[in-house]
Protein backbone atom coordinates (compact mmCIF):
# COMPACT_ATOMS: atom_id res chain seq x y z
CA MET A 1 -65.00 -28.78 35.52
CA GLN A 2 -62.02 -31.63 36.06
CA CYS A 3 -61.66 -33.01 39.36
CA PRO A 4 -57.74 -34.32 40.26
CA GLN A 5 -59.63 -37.16 42.74
CA TYR A 6 -61.64 -39.09 39.79
CA GLN A 7 -58.86 -40.15 37.64
CA ASN A 8 -59.37 -44.02 38.37
CA GLU A 9 -62.24 -46.29 37.41
CA ASN A 10 -64.74 -45.99 40.28
CA PRO A 11 -62.91 -43.88 42.56
CA PRO A 12 -64.03 -43.59 46.57
CA GLN A 13 -64.36 -40.07 45.87
CA ALA A 14 -66.43 -40.07 43.28
CA LYS A 15 -69.63 -39.34 45.60
CA PHE A 16 -67.85 -35.97 46.44
CA CYS A 17 -67.22 -35.33 43.46
CA LEU A 18 -70.54 -36.05 41.96
CA GLU A 19 -71.83 -33.90 44.75
CA CYS A 20 -69.88 -30.87 43.61
CA ALA A 21 -70.85 -31.50 40.23
CA GLU A 22 -74.51 -31.44 40.82
CA ALA A 23 -74.30 -28.50 43.33
CA ALA A 24 -72.69 -26.64 40.48
CA GLN A 25 -75.44 -27.60 38.20
CA TYR A 26 -77.89 -26.65 40.40
CA GLU A 27 -76.41 -23.01 40.97
CA ALA A 28 -75.55 -22.83 36.97
CA GLU A 29 -79.69 -23.34 36.93
CA ALA A 30 -80.57 -20.42 39.47
CA LEU A 31 -78.20 -17.84 37.44
CA GLN A 32 -80.04 -18.87 34.42
CA HIS A 33 -76.62 -19.73 32.67
CA ALA A 34 -77.26 -22.18 29.93
CA ALA A 35 -73.65 -23.05 28.77
CA LEU A 36 -72.33 -23.56 32.53
CA VAL A 37 -75.69 -25.87 32.60
CA ALA A 38 -74.80 -27.57 29.73
CA HIS A 39 -71.14 -27.82 31.16
CA CYS A 40 -72.33 -29.04 34.17
CA HIS A 41 -74.49 -32.02 32.08
CA LEU A 42 -71.39 -32.87 30.42
CA GLY A 43 -69.08 -33.12 33.70
CA LEU A 44 -72.16 -35.36 35.18
CA GLY A 45 -71.95 -37.72 32.33
CA LYS A 46 -67.86 -38.25 32.08
CA LEU A 47 -68.19 -38.94 36.00
CA PHE A 48 -71.15 -41.09 35.98
CA GLU A 49 -69.41 -43.11 33.23
CA LEU A 50 -66.57 -43.42 35.35
CA THR A 51 -68.73 -44.93 38.15
CA SER A 52 -70.42 -47.53 35.55
CA LYS A 53 -73.81 -45.67 35.96
CA ARG A 54 -74.30 -45.89 32.01
CA GLN A 55 -77.63 -44.90 31.80
CA GLU A 56 -77.57 -41.36 33.93
CA ALA A 57 -74.33 -41.04 31.83
CA GLN A 58 -76.28 -41.27 29.01
CA ASP A 59 -78.85 -39.16 30.22
CA HIS A 60 -76.38 -36.28 31.24
CA LEU A 61 -74.55 -36.66 27.84
CA THR A 62 -77.42 -36.51 25.60
CA THR A 63 -78.83 -32.76 27.65
CA ALA A 64 -75.20 -31.56 26.99
CA THR A 65 -75.76 -32.18 23.59
CA THR A 66 -79.09 -30.97 22.56
CA MET A 67 -78.06 -28.04 24.92
CA TYR A 68 -74.47 -27.38 23.07
CA ARG A 69 -76.82 -27.48 19.49
CA GLU A 70 -79.67 -25.23 20.74
CA MET A 71 -77.00 -23.19 21.55
CA ASP A 72 -74.68 -23.18 18.51
CA MET A 73 -71.84 -24.13 20.72
CA THR A 74 -69.88 -26.40 18.16
CA TYR A 75 -66.75 -27.02 20.15
CA TRP A 76 -68.60 -28.33 22.93
CA LEU A 77 -70.96 -29.97 21.10
CA GLY A 78 -68.09 -32.27 19.43
CA GLN A 79 -66.76 -32.73 22.95
CA ALA A 80 -70.02 -33.97 24.29
CA GLU A 81 -70.58 -36.12 21.27
CA THR A 82 -67.03 -37.75 21.73
CA GLU A 83 -68.44 -38.85 25.22
CA ILE A 84 -71.59 -40.31 23.82
CA GLN A 85 -69.67 -42.27 21.19
CA ALA A 86 -67.50 -43.50 23.95
CA GLU A 87 -70.13 -44.54 26.59
CA THR A 88 -72.17 -46.25 23.53
CA GLU A 89 -68.68 -48.31 22.38
CA ILE A 90 -68.33 -49.06 26.17
CA LYS A 91 -72.17 -50.37 26.20
CA GLU A 92 -71.47 -52.49 23.04
CA LEU A 93 -68.29 -54.11 24.70
CA SER A 94 -69.53 -54.86 27.50
CA SER A 95 -72.88 -56.80 26.08
CA CYS A 96 -70.95 -58.72 24.26
CA ARG A 97 -70.24 -62.32 25.19
CA ILE A 98 -67.26 -64.26 23.69
CA PRO A 99 -67.72 -67.95 24.35
CA PHE A 100 -64.46 -69.57 25.54
């Protein structure tokens, strides 16, 4: 799921993108399409990272990772784990205090 309007940090269109992604997740769940639900969680995790909603990002990325692992979708599992690692590094950097 790519939305060309969310390329910048904290974009004004992020709310629209989040609404679309959440609607897609709802439809995927209604269809009981587990792989698509996992992709929606990955996309939502990325979107929440961009809007600095770190806990929501972590929740969705963890769900995506769990689902990919359960379905043995190794390529997508690697993608989700890379996003989790990036989110972890951002969290560590933001908590670092360097005295000047």
